[in-house]
Amino acid sequence: MKLKRKFNVGRMRFVYVCSPYRGEVVKNLNYTQECCRKVFSKNDIPIAPHLYFPMFMNDNIEEVRELAFEMNKRLIDMCDCLCIFGSVISEGMQIEIDYANSIGKKVYKCGN
């Protein structure tokens, strides 16, 4: 990938990408990749655990899903803000949004 401009790594924020996963998983993962590209294009670092965790965690096992949400909370703690993508807020997204709000994290609506 050739970059069209210089990125100032020292000024990059960590942005938690809050977008749907369950349901139409392939479509939702493609959408999340698009969201990550948008975050990256704004000179920020996208954090989207639902692109990564399913590689080694089974979301269909309730205990594993609950553990994933606890891990997501740790990632939200580390991020500068949470950006909501999508026109519908899923159950999982709402958990992340509620947590971010409970710790005073900046939460933005970032796209459809």
PDB file of N, CA and C in Angstrom:
ATOM      1  N   MET A   1       0.836  -1.173   0.000  1.00  0.00           N
ATOM      2  CA  MET A   1       0.000   0.000   0.000  1.00  0.00           C
ATOM      3  C   MET A   1       0.880   1.235   0.000  1.00  0.00           C
ATOM      4  N   LYS A   2       0.694   2.086  -0.972  1.00  0.00           N
ATOM      5  CA  LYS A   2       1.439   3.334  -1.037  1.00  0.00           C
ATOM      6  C   LYS A   2       0.610   4.422  -0.377  1.00  0.00           C
ATOM      7  N   LEU A   3       1.229   5.135   0.562  1.00  0.00           N
ATOM      8  CA  LEU A   3       0.532   6.197   1.271  1.00  0.00           C
ATOM      9  C   LEU A   3       0.581   7.482   0.458  1.00  0.00           C
ATOM     10  N   LYS A   4      -0.539   8.189   0.427  1.00  0.00           N
ATOM     11  CA  LYS A   4      -0.641   9.423  -0.352  1.00  0.00           C
ATOM     12  C   LYS A   4      -0.134  10.628   0.425  1.00  0.00           C
ATOM     13  N   ARG A   5       0.045  10.468   1.742  1.00  0.00           N
ATOM     14  CA  ARG A   5       0.526  11.572   2.554  1.00  0.00           C
ATOM     15  C   ARG A   5       1.320  11.042   3.719  1.00  0.00           C
ATOM     16  N   LYS A   6       2.031  11.926   4.369  1.00  0.00           N
ATOM     17  CA  LYS A   6       2.819  11.557   5.543  1.00  0.00           C
ATOM     18  C   LYS A   6       1.901  11.437   6.753  1.00  0.00           C
ATOM     19  N   PHE A   7       2.147  10.446   7.570  1.00  0.00           N
ATOM     20  CA  PHE A   7       1.401  10.267   8.801  1.00  0.00           C
ATOM     21  C   PHE A   7       2.301  10.635   9.971  1.00  0.00           C
ATOM     22  N   ASN A   8       1.756  11.376  10.906  1.00  0.00           N
ATOM     23  CA  ASN A   8       2.475  11.734  12.122  1.00  0.00           C
ATOM     24  C   ASN A   8       2.087  10.719  13.195  1.00  0.00           C
ATOM     25  N   VAL A   9       2.890   9.696  13.335  1.00  0.00           N
ATOM     26  CA  VAL A   9       2.574   8.587  14.233  1.00  0.00           C
ATOM     27  C   VAL A   9       2.386   9.080  15.666  1.00  0.00           C
ATOM     28  N   GLY A  10       3.141  10.067  16.086  1.00  0.00           N
ATOM     29  CA  GLY A  10       3.046  10.593  17.435  1.00  0.00           C
ATOM     30  C   GLY A  10       1.709  11.252  17.735  1.00  0.00           C
ATOM     31  N   ARG A  11       0.984  11.663  16.722  1.00  0.00           N
ATOM     32  CA  ARG A  11      -0.304  12.329  16.919  1.00  0.00           C
ATOM     33  C   ARG A  11      -1.490  11.405  16.657  1.00  0.00           C
ATOM     34  N   MET A  12      -1.219  10.166  16.316  1.00  0.00           N
ATOM     35  CA  MET A  12      -2.308   9.237  16.017  1.00  0.00           C
ATOM     36  C   MET A  12      -3.042   8.851  17.299  1.00  0.00           C
ATOM     37  N   ARG A  13      -4.379   8.915  17.254  1.00  0.00           N
ATOM     38  CA  ARG A  13      -5.204   8.475  18.378  1.00  0.00           C
ATOM     39  C   ARG A  13      -5.565   7.004  18.180  1.00  0.00           C
ATOM     40  N   PHE A  14      -5.829   6.314  19.278  1.00  0.00           N
ATOM     41  CA  PHE A  14      -6.385   4.967  19.218  1.00  0.00           C
ATOM     42  C   PHE A  14      -7.896   5.115  19.215  1.00  0.00           C
ATOM     43  N   VAL A  15      -8.540   4.625  18.155  1.00  0.00           N
ATOM     44  CA  VAL A  15      -9.986   4.766  17.981  1.00  0.00           C
ATOM     45  C   VAL A  15     -10.622   3.380  18.006  1.00  0.00           C
ATOM     46  N   TYR A  16     -11.483   3.156  18.994  1.00  0.00           N
ATOM     47  CA  TYR A  16     -12.201   1.887  19.090  1.00  0.00           C
ATOM     48  C   TYR A  16     -13.339   1.915  18.072  1.00  0.00           C
ATOM     49  N   VAL A  17     -13.340   0.959  17.161  1.00  0.00           N
ATOM     50  CA  VAL A  17     -14.354   0.868  16.104  1.00  0.00           C
ATOM     51  C   VAL A  17     -15.509   0.012  16.612  1.00  0.00           C
ATOM     52  N   CYS A  18     -16.639   0.656  16.830  1.00  0.00           N
ATOM     53  CA  CYS A  18     -17.848  -0.006  17.328  1.00  0.00           C
ATOM     54  C   CYS A  18     -18.792  -0.190  16.141  1.00  0.00           C
ATOM     55  N   SER A  19     -18.857  -1.424  15.655  1.00  0.00           N
ATOM     56  CA  SER A  19     -19.696  -1.733  14.491  1.00  0.00           C
ATOM     57  C   SER A  19     -20.247  -3.145  14.661  1.00  0.00           C
ATOM     58  N   PRO A  20     -21.279  -3.502  13.894  1.00  0.00           N
ATOM     59  CA  PRO A  20     -21.910  -4.810  14.075  1.00  0.00           C
ATOM     60  C   PRO A  20     -21.002  -5.982  13.698  1.00  0.00           C
ATOM     61  N   TYR A  21     -21.226  -7.118  14.381  1.00  0.00           N
ATOM     62  CA  TYR A  21     -20.517  -8.353  14.040  1.00  0.00           C
ATOM     63  C   TYR A  21     -21.508  -9.476  13.731  1.00  0.00           C
ATOM     64  N   ARG A  22     -22.368  -9.813  14.675  1.00  0.00           N
ATOM     65  CA  ARG A  22     -23.293 -10.938  14.517  1.00  0.00           C
ATOM     66  C   ARG A  22     -24.295 -10.691  13.396  1.00  0.00           C
ATOM     67  N   GLY A  23     -24.966 -11.754  13.005  1.00  0.00           N
ATOM     68  CA  GLY A  23     -25.957 -11.652  11.927  1.00  0.00           C
ATOM     69  C   GLY A  23     -25.293 -11.979  10.604  1.00  0.00           C
ATOM     70  N   GLU A  24     -25.195 -11.007   9.751  1.00  0.00           N
ATOM     71  CA  GLU A  24     -24.529 -11.179   8.446  1.00  0.00           C
ATOM     72  C   GLU A  24     -23.029 -10.948   8.647  1.00  0.00           C
ATOM     73  N   VAL A  25     -22.361 -11.951   9.188  1.00  0.00           N
ATOM     74  CA  VAL A  25     -20.982 -11.808   9.649  1.00  0.00           C
ATOM     75  C   VAL A  25     -20.036 -11.356   8.536  1.00  0.00           C
ATOM     76  N   VAL A  26     -20.079 -11.978   7.382  1.00  0.00           N
ATOM     77  CA  VAL A  26     -19.156 -11.607   6.297  1.00  0.00           C
ATOM     78  C   VAL A  26     -19.394 -10.164   5.871  1.00  0.00           C
ATOM     79  N   LYS A  27     -20.644  -9.814   5.669  1.00  0.00           N
ATOM     80  CA  LYS A  27     -20.989  -8.426   5.305  1.00  0.00           C
ATOM     81  C   LYS A  27     -20.527  -7.456   6.396  1.00  0.00           C
ATOM     82  N   ASN A  28     -20.754  -7.820   7.659  1.00  0.00           N
ATOM     83  CA  ASN A  28     -20.380  -6.944   8.759  1.00  0.00           C
ATOM     84  C   ASN A  28     -18.862  -6.805   8.891  1.00  0.00           C
ATOM     85  N   LEU A  29     -18.127  -7.884   8.654  1.00  0.00           N
ATOM     86  CA  LEU A  29     -16.670  -7.800   8.712  1.00  0.00           C
ATOM     87  C   LEU A  29     -16.121  -6.932   7.583  1.00  0.00           C
ATOM     88  N   ASN A  30     -16.700  -7.059   6.405  1.00  0.00           N
ATOM     89  CA  ASN A  30     -16.291  -6.189   5.296  1.00  0.00           C
ATOM     90  C   ASN A  30     -16.563  -4.727   5.628  1.00  0.00           C
ATOM     91  N   TYR A  31     -17.712  -4.469   6.237  1.00  0.00           N
ATOM     92  CA  TYR A  31     -18.067  -3.114   6.636  1.00  0.00           C
ATOM     93  C   TYR A  31     -17.081  -2.596   7.690  1.00  0.00           C
ATOM     94  N   THR A  32     -16.716  -3.438   8.639  1.00  0.00           N
ATOM     95  CA  THR A  32     -15.768  -3.025   9.676  1.00  0.00           C
ATOM     96  C   THR A  32     -14.411  -2.699   9.071  1.00  0.00           C
ATOM     97  N   GLN A  33     -13.992  -3.469   8.083  1.00  0.00           N
ATOM     98  CA  GLN A  33     -12.727  -3.151   7.400  1.00  0.00           C
ATOM     99  C   GLN A  33     -12.801  -1.778   6.743  1.00  0.00           C
ATOM    100  N   GLU A  34     -13.939  -1.474   6.133  1.00  0.00           N
ATOM    101  CA  GLU A  34     -14.149  -0.156   5.525  1.00  0.00           C
ATOM    102  C   GLU A  34     -14.084   0.937   6.603  1.00  0.00           C
ATOM    103  N   CYS A  35     -14.700   0.690   7.737  1.00  0.00           N
ATOM    104  CA  CYS A  35     -14.670   1.649   8.847  1.00  0.00           C
ATOM    105  C   CYS A  35     -13.233   1.875   9.317  1.00  0.00           C
ATOM    106  N   CYS A  36     -12.468   0.804   9.413  1.00  0.00           N
ATOM    107  CA  CYS A  36     -11.070   0.918   9.828  1.00  0.00           C
ATOM    108  C   CYS A  36     -10.269   1.745   8.831  1.00  0.00           C
ATOM    109  N   ARG A  37     -10.535   1.564   7.546  1.00  0.00           N
ATOM    110  CA  ARG A  37      -9.853   2.371   6.531  1.00  0.00           C
ATOM    111  C   ARG A  37     -10.179   3.857   6.723  1.00  0.00           C
ATOM    112  N   LYS A  38     -11.432   4.168   7.053  1.00  0.00           N
ATOM    113  CA  LYS A  38     -11.823   5.560   7.288  1.00  0.00           C
ATOM    114  C   LYS A  38     -11.077   6.140   8.483  1.00  0.00           C
ATOM    115  N   VAL A  39     -10.992   5.372   9.554  1.00  0.00           N
ATOM    116  CA  VAL A  39     -10.269   5.823  10.745  1.00  0.00           C
ATOM    117  C   VAL A  39      -8.798   6.041  10.397  1.00  0.00           C
ATOM    118  N   PHE A  40      -8.203   5.085   9.731  1.00  0.00           N
ATOM    119  CA  PHE A  40      -6.796   5.176   9.335  1.00  0.00           C
ATOM    120  C   PHE A  40      -6.549   6.379   8.427  1.00  0.00           C
ATOM    121  N   SER A  41      -7.484   6.655   7.519  1.00  0.00           N
ATOM    122  CA  SER A  41      -7.318   7.776   6.588  1.00  0.00           C
ATOM    123  C   SER A  41      -7.330   9.125   7.301  1.00  0.00           C
ATOM    124  N   LYS A  42      -7.822   9.136   8.538  1.00  0.00           N
ATOM    125  CA  LYS A  42      -7.835  10.365   9.332  1.00  0.00           C
ATOM    126  C   LYS A  42      -6.622  10.439  10.270  1.00  0.00           C
ATOM    127  N   ASN A  43      -5.621   9.630   9.979  1.00  0.00           N
ATOM    128  CA  ASN A  43      -4.372   9.617  10.728  1.00  0.00           C
ATOM    129  C   ASN A  43      -4.553   9.058  12.142  1.00  0.00           C
ATOM    130  N   ASP A  44      -5.477   8.113  12.299  1.00  0.00           N
ATOM    131  CA  ASP A  44      -5.712   7.477  13.582  1.00  0.00           C
ATOM    132  C   ASP A  44      -5.524   5.961  13.453  1.00  0.00           C
ATOM    133  N   ILE A  45      -5.430   5.295  14.594  1.00  0.00           N
ATOM    134  CA  ILE A  45      -5.205   3.856  14.649  1.00  0.00           C
ATOM    135  C   ILE A  45      -6.527   3.170  15.005  1.00  0.00           C
ATOM    136  N   PRO A  46      -7.105   2.410  14.066  1.00  0.00           N
ATOM    137  CA  PRO A  46      -8.367   1.723  14.370  1.00  0.00           C
ATOM    138  C   PRO A  46      -8.137   0.480  15.223  1.00  0.00           C
ATOM    139  N   ILE A  47      -8.980   0.326  16.240  1.00  0.00           N
ATOM    140  CA  ILE A  47      -8.963  -0.862  17.089  1.00  0.00           C
ATOM    141  C   ILE A  47     -10.320  -1.542  16.908  1.00  0.00           C
ATOM    142  N   ALA A  48     -10.337  -2.679  16.247  1.00  0.00           N
ATOM    143  CA  ALA A  48     -11.575  -3.404  15.946  1.00  0.00           C
ATOM    144  C   ALA A  48     -11.378  -4.875  16.309  1.00  0.00           C
ATOM    145  N   PRO A  49     -11.579  -5.222  17.583  1.00  0.00           N
ATOM    146  CA  PRO A  49     -11.291  -6.593  18.009  1.00  0.00           C
ATOM    147  C   PRO A  49     -12.136  -7.648  17.313  1.00  0.00           C
ATOM    148  N   HIS A  50     -13.304  -7.279  16.801  1.00  0.00           N
ATOM    149  CA  HIS A  50     -14.135  -8.289  16.130  1.00  0.00           C
ATOM    150  C   HIS A  50     -13.590  -8.668  14.754  1.00  0.00           C
ATOM    151  N   LEU A  51     -12.538  -7.996  14.302  1.00  0.00           N
ATOM    152  CA  LEU A  51     -11.814  -8.465  13.111  1.00  0.00           C
ATOM    153  C   LEU A  51     -10.771  -9.516  13.501  1.00  0.00           C
ATOM    154  N   TYR A  52     -10.355  -9.497  14.743  1.00  0.00           N
ATOM    155  CA  TYR A  52      -9.238 -10.317  15.194  1.00  0.00           C
ATOM    156  C   TYR A  52      -9.663 -11.471  16.118  1.00  0.00           C
ATOM    157  N   PHE A  53     -10.473 -11.188  17.115  1.00  0.00           N
ATOM    158  CA  PHE A  53     -10.816 -12.204  18.107  1.00  0.00           C
ATOM    159  C   PHE A  53     -11.464 -13.459  17.510  1.00  0.00           C
ATOM    160  N   PRO A  54     -12.341 -13.346  16.513  1.00  0.00           N
ATOM    161  CA  PRO A  54     -12.959 -14.566  15.959  1.00  0.00           C
ATOM    162  C   PRO A  54     -11.963 -15.550  15.340  1.00  0.00           C
ATOM    163  N   MET A  55     -10.738 -15.105  15.132  1.00  0.00           N
ATOM    164  CA  MET A  55      -9.728 -16.011  14.590  1.00  0.00           C
ATOM    165  C   MET A  55      -9.360 -17.099  15.597  1.00  0.00           C
ATOM    166  N   PHE A  56      -9.573 -16.812  16.891  1.00  0.00           N
ATOM    167  CA  PHE A  56      -9.212 -17.795  17.907  1.00  0.00           C
ATOM    168  C   PHE A  56     -10.257 -17.949  19.008  1.00  0.00           C
ATOM    169  N   MET A  57     -11.352 -17.202  18.910  1.00  0.00           N
ATOM    170  CA  MET A  57     -12.424 -17.292  19.911  1.00  0.00           C
ATOM    171  C   MET A  57     -13.746 -17.576  19.202  1.00  0.00           C
ATOM    172  N   ASN A  58     -14.587 -18.418  19.806  1.00  0.00           N
ATOM    173  CA  ASN A  58     -15.876 -18.776  19.210  1.00  0.00           C
ATOM    174  C   ASN A  58     -16.985 -17.939  19.854  1.00  0.00           C
ATOM    175  N   ASP A  59     -17.505 -16.979  19.101  1.00  0.00           N
ATOM    176  CA  ASP A  59     -18.545 -16.065  19.579  1.00  0.00           C
ATOM    177  C   ASP A  59     -19.856 -16.782  19.879  1.00  0.00           C
ATOM    178  N   ASN A  60     -20.015 -17.991  19.397  1.00  0.00           N
ATOM    179  CA  ASN A  60     -21.253 -18.746  19.627  1.00  0.00           C
ATOM    180  C   ASN A  60     -21.285 -19.454  20.982  1.00  0.00           C
ATOM    181  N   ILE A  61     -20.166 -19.460  21.672  1.00  0.00           N
ATOM    182  CA  ILE A  61     -20.105 -20.023  23.023  1.00  0.00           C
ATOM    183  C   ILE A  61     -20.249 -18.854  23.997  1.00  0.00           C
ATOM    184  N   GLU A  62     -21.313 -18.854  24.794  1.00  0.00           N
ATOM    185  CA  GLU A  62     -21.657 -17.698  25.628  1.00  0.00           C
ATOM    186  C   GLU A  62     -20.529 -17.271  26.563  1.00  0.00           C
ATOM    187  N   GLU A  63     -19.854 -18.234  27.194  1.00  0.00           N
ATOM    188  CA  GLU A  63     -18.758 -17.884  28.106  1.00  0.00           C
ATOM    189  C   GLU A  63     -17.618 -17.198  27.355  1.00  0.00           C
ATOM    190  N   VAL A  64     -17.348 -17.647  26.144  1.00  0.00           N
ATOM    191  CA  VAL A  64     -16.289 -17.054  25.328  1.00  0.00           C
ATOM    192  C   VAL A  64     -16.704 -15.656  24.892  1.00  0.00           C
ATOM    193  N   ARG A  65     -17.972 -15.499  24.507  1.00  0.00           N
ATOM    194  CA  ARG A  65     -18.485 -14.174  24.117  1.00  0.00           C
ATOM    195  C   ARG A  65     -18.372 -13.185  25.279  1.00  0.00           C
ATOM    196  N   GLU A  66     -18.735 -13.629  26.483  1.00  0.00           N
ATOM    197  CA  GLU A  66     -18.631 -12.761  27.657  1.00  0.00           C
ATOM    198  C   GLU A  66     -17.177 -12.365  27.921  1.00  0.00           C
ATOM    199  N   LEU A  67     -16.258 -13.316  27.785  1.00  0.00           N
ATOM    200  CA  LEU A  67     -14.842 -13.015  27.953  1.00  0.00           C
ATOM    201  C   LEU A  67     -14.381 -12.009  26.902  1.00  0.00           C
ATOM    202  N   ALA A  68     -14.840 -12.169  25.671  1.00  0.00           N
ATOM    203  CA  ALA A  68     -14.476 -11.225  24.609  1.00  0.00           C
ATOM    204  C   ALA A  68     -14.925  -9.810  24.970  1.00  0.00           C
ATOM    205  N   PHE A  69     -16.113  -9.671  25.538  1.00  0.00           N
ATOM    206  CA  PHE A  69     -16.582  -8.339  25.925  1.00  0.00           C
ATOM    207  C   PHE A  69     -15.733  -7.754  27.055  1.00  0.00           C
ATOM    208  N   GLU A  70     -15.276  -8.597  27.959  1.00  0.00           N
ATOM    209  CA  GLU A  70     -14.372  -8.102  29.008  1.00  0.00           C
ATOM    210  C   GLU A  70     -13.052  -7.635  28.387  1.00  0.00           C
ATOM    211  N   MET A  71     -12.563  -8.373  27.407  1.00  0.00           N
ATOM    212  CA  MET A  71     -11.342  -7.968  26.705  1.00  0.00           C
ATOM    213  C   MET A  71     -11.588  -6.672  25.930  1.00  0.00           C
ATOM    214  N   ASN A  72     -12.768  -6.555  25.312  1.00  0.00           N
ATOM    215  CA  ASN A  72     -13.120  -5.331  24.595  1.00  0.00           C
ATOM    216  C   ASN A  72     -13.092  -4.130  25.535  1.00  0.00           C
ATOM    217  N   LYS A  73     -13.590  -4.311  26.746  1.00  0.00           N
ATOM    218  CA  LYS A  73     -13.592  -3.214  27.722  1.00  0.00           C
ATOM    219  C   LYS A  73     -12.175  -2.749  28.030  1.00  0.00           C
ATOM    220  N   ARG A  74     -11.255  -3.691  28.146  1.00  0.00           N
ATOM    221  CA  ARG A  74      -9.849  -3.315  28.378  1.00  0.00           C
ATOM    222  C   ARG A  74      -9.311  -2.500  27.205  1.00  0.00           C
ATOM    223  N   LEU A  75      -9.692  -2.892  25.996  1.00  0.00           N
ATOM    224  CA  LEU A  75      -9.251  -2.142  24.816  1.00  0.00           C
ATOM    225  C   LEU A  75      -9.891  -0.751  24.780  1.00  0.00           C
ATOM    226  N   ILE A  76     -11.162  -0.669  25.137  1.00  0.00           N
ATOM    227  CA  ILE A  76     -11.829   0.640  25.201  1.00  0.00           C
ATOM    228  C   ILE A  76     -11.109   1.525  26.216  1.00  0.00           C
ATOM    229  N   ASP A  77     -10.708   0.952  27.349  1.00  0.00           N
ATOM    230  CA  ASP A  77      -9.952   1.715  28.353  1.00  0.00           C
ATOM    231  C   ASP A  77      -8.724   2.367  27.736  1.00  0.00           C
ATOM    232  N   MET A  78      -8.051   1.648  26.864  1.00  0.00           N
ATOM    233  CA  MET A  78      -6.797   2.112  26.279  1.00  0.00           C
ATOM    234  C   MET A  78      -6.997   3.104  25.134  1.00  0.00           C
ATOM    235  N   CYS A  79      -8.182   3.132  24.563  1.00  0.00           N
ATOM    236  CA  CYS A  79      -8.421   3.981  23.395  1.00  0.00           C
ATOM    237  C   CYS A  79      -8.742   5.415  23.799  1.00  0.00           C
ATOM    238  N   ASP A  80      -8.519   6.330  22.867  1.00  0.00           N
ATOM    239  CA  ASP A  80      -8.826   7.738  23.096  1.00  0.00           C
ATOM    240  C   ASP A  80     -10.312   8.022  22.960  1.00  0.00           C
ATOM    241  N   CYS A  81     -10.996   7.249  22.134  1.00  0.00           N
ATOM    242  CA  CYS A  81     -12.428   7.447  21.932  1.00  0.00           C
ATOM    243  C   CYS A  81     -13.030   6.190  21.313  1.00  0.00           C
ATOM    244  N   LEU A  82     -14.356   6.161  21.288  1.00  0.00           N
ATOM    245  CA  LEU A  82     -15.100   5.072  20.652  1.00  0.00           C
ATOM    246  C   LEU A  82     -15.931   5.691  19.542  1.00  0.00           C
ATOM    247  N   CYS A  83     -15.827   5.153  18.345  1.00  0.00           N
ATOM    248  CA  CYS A  83     -16.607   5.644  17.200  1.00  0.00           C
ATOM    249  C   CYS A  83     -17.638   4.601  16.813  1.00  0.00           C
ATOM    250  N   ILE A  84     -18.888   5.042  16.751  1.00  0.00           N
ATOM    251  CA  ILE A  84     -20.003   4.170  16.395  1.00  0.00           C
ATOM    252  C   ILE A  84     -20.209   4.234  14.888  1.00  0.00           C
ATOM    253  N   PHE A  85     -20.180   3.075  14.247  1.00  0.00           N
ATOM    254  CA  PHE A  85     -20.437   2.963  12.818  1.00  0.00           C
ATOM    255  C   PHE A  85     -21.673   2.099  12.618  1.00  0.00           C
ATOM    256  N   GLY A  86     -22.517   2.471  11.678  1.00  0.00           N
ATOM    257  CA  GLY A  86     -23.710   1.693  11.368  1.00  0.00           C
ATOM    258  C   GLY A  86     -24.967   2.425  11.787  1.00  0.00           C
ATOM    259  N   SER A  87     -26.045   2.121  11.113  1.00  0.00           N
ATOM    260  CA  SER A  87     -27.315   2.788  11.400  1.00  0.00           C
ATOM    261  C   SER A  87     -28.119   2.054  12.461  1.00  0.00           C
ATOM    262  N   VAL A  88     -27.745   0.814  12.762  1.00  0.00           N
ATOM    263  CA  VAL A  88     -28.430   0.016  13.784  1.00  0.00           C
ATOM    264  C   VAL A  88     -27.418  -0.344  14.869  1.00  0.00           C
ATOM    265  N   ILE A  89     -27.818  -0.147  16.120  1.00  0.00           N
ATOM    266  CA  ILE A  89     -26.958  -0.498  17.251  1.00  0.00           C
ATOM    267  C   ILE A  89     -27.312  -1.916  17.697  1.00  0.00           C
ATOM    268  N   SER A  90     -26.355  -2.833  17.549  1.00  0.00           N
ATOM    269  CA  SER A  90     -26.584  -4.221  17.965  1.00  0.00           C
ATOM    270  C   SER A  90     -26.459  -4.332  19.490  1.00  0.00           C
ATOM    271  N   GLU A  91     -26.849  -5.480  20.010  1.00  0.00           N
ATOM    272  CA  GLU A  91     -26.732  -5.733  21.451  1.00  0.00           C
ATOM    273  C   GLU A  91     -25.276  -5.589  21.908  1.00  0.00           C
ATOM    274  N   GLY A  92     -24.360  -6.162  21.140  1.00  0.00           N
ATOM    275  CA  GLY A  92     -22.941  -6.080  21.487  1.00  0.00           C
ATOM    276  C   GLY A  92     -22.404  -4.664  21.426  1.00  0.00           C
ATOM    277  N   MET A  93     -22.819  -3.925  20.409  1.00  0.00           N
ATOM    278  CA  MET A  93     -22.398  -2.530  20.298  1.00  0.00           C
ATOM    279  C   MET A  93     -22.892  -1.733  21.499  1.00  0.00           C
ATOM    280  N   GLN A  94     -24.138  -1.999  21.919  1.00  0.00           N
ATOM    281  CA  GLN A  94     -24.702  -1.264  23.050  1.00  0.00           C
ATOM    282  C   GLN A  94     -23.913  -1.527  24.326  1.00  0.00           C
ATOM    283  N   ILE A  95     -23.451  -2.752  24.503  1.00  0.00           N
ATOM    284  CA  ILE A  95     -22.611  -3.078  25.665  1.00  0.00           C
ATOM    285  C   ILE A  95     -21.348  -2.219  25.643  1.00  0.00           C
ATOM    286  N   GLU A  96     -20.720  -2.110  24.480  1.00  0.00           N
ATOM    287  CA  GLU A  96     -19.491  -1.324  24.349  1.00  0.00           C
ATOM    288  C   GLU A  96     -19.760   0.163  24.567  1.00  0.00           C
ATOM    289  N   ILE A  97     -20.836   0.670  23.991  1.00  0.00           N
ATOM    290  CA  ILE A  97     -21.196   2.087  24.135  1.00  0.00           C
ATOM    291  C   ILE A  97     -21.490   2.415  25.599  1.00  0.00           C
ATOM    292  N   ASP A  98     -22.286   1.565  26.247  1.00  0.00           N
ATOM    293  CA  ASP A  98     -22.620   1.788  27.656  1.00  0.00           C
ATOM    294  C   ASP A  98     -21.360   1.802  28.516  1.00  0.00           C
ATOM    295  N   TYR A  99     -20.446   0.874  28.236  1.00  0.00           N
ATOM    296  CA  TYR A  99     -19.209   0.837  29.013  1.00  0.00           C
ATOM    297  C   TYR A  99     -18.394   2.112  28.783  1.00  0.00           C
ATOM    298  N   ALA A 100     -18.228   2.504  27.536  1.00  0.00           N
ATOM    299  CA  ALA A 100     -17.456   3.715  27.224  1.00  0.00           C
ATOM    300  C   ALA A 100     -18.062   4.924  27.938  1.00  0.00           C
ATOM    301  N   ASN A 101     -19.377   5.048  27.901  1.00  0.00           N
ATOM    302  CA  ASN A 101     -20.041   6.162  28.589  1.00  0.00           C
ATOM    303  C   ASN A 101     -19.821   6.092  30.099  1.00  0.00           C
ATOM    304  N   SER A 102     -19.836   4.882  30.658  1.00  0.00           N
ATOM    305  CA  SER A 102     -19.698   4.726  32.114  1.00  0.00           C
ATOM    306  C   SER A 102     -18.326   5.151  32.629  1.00  0.00           C
ATOM    307  N   ILE A 103     -17.324   5.121  31.764  1.00  0.00           N
ATOM    308  CA  ILE A 103     -15.975   5.528  32.188  1.00  0.00           C
ATOM    309  C   ILE A 103     -15.611   6.915  31.661  1.00  0.00           C
ATOM    310  N   GLY A 104     -16.579   7.590  31.064  1.00  0.00           N
ATOM    311  CA  GLY A 104     -16.343   8.949  30.581  1.00  0.00           C
ATOM    312  C   GLY A 104     -15.535   9.036  29.300  1.00  0.00           C
ATOM    313  N   LYS A 105     -15.523   7.948  28.541  1.00  0.00           N
ATOM    314  CA  LYS A 105     -14.802   7.925  27.263  1.00  0.00           C
ATOM    315  C   LYS A 105     -15.579   8.740  26.235  1.00  0.00           C
ATOM    316  N   LYS A 106     -14.901   9.451  25.375  1.00  0.00           N
ATOM    317  CA  LYS A 106     -15.567  10.181  24.302  1.00  0.00           C
ATOM    318  C   LYS A 106     -16.179   9.175  23.335  1.00  0.00           C
ATOM    319  N   VAL A 107     -17.454   9.379  23.006  1.00  0.00           N
ATOM    320  CA  VAL A 107     -18.186   8.496  22.096  1.00  0.00           C
ATOM    321  C   VAL A 107     -18.735   9.353  20.965  1.00  0.00           C
ATOM    322  N   TYR A 108     -18.437   8.941  19.723  1.00  0.00           N
ATOM    323  CA  TYR A 108     -18.869   9.686  18.546  1.00  0.00           C
ATOM    324  C   TYR A 108     -19.648   8.796  17.602  1.00  0.00           C
ATOM    325  N   LYS A 109     -20.626   9.368  16.918  1.00  0.00           N
ATOM    326  CA  LYS A 109     -21.276   8.702  15.785  1.00  0.00           C
ATOM    327  C   LYS A 109     -20.423   9.035  14.576  1.00  0.00           C
ATOM    328  N   CYS A 110     -19.859   8.019  13.957  1.00  0.00           N
ATOM    329  CA  CYS A 110     -18.853   8.248  12.915  1.00  0.00           C
ATOM    330  C   CYS A 110     -19.282   7.870  11.510  1.00  0.00           C
ATOM    331  N   GLY A 111     -20.381   7.213  11.328  1.00  0.00           N
ATOM    332  CA  GLY A 111     -20.777   6.848   9.968  1.00  0.00           C
ATOM    333  C   GLY A 111     -21.904   5.854   9.960  1.00  0.00           C
ATOM    334  N   ASN A 112     -22.513   5.702   8.781  1.00  0.00           N
ATOM    335  CA  ASN A 112     -23.639   4.756   8.605  1.00  0.00           C
ATOM    336  C   ASN A 112     -23.143   3.407   8.186  1.00  0.00           C
TER     337      ASN A 112
END
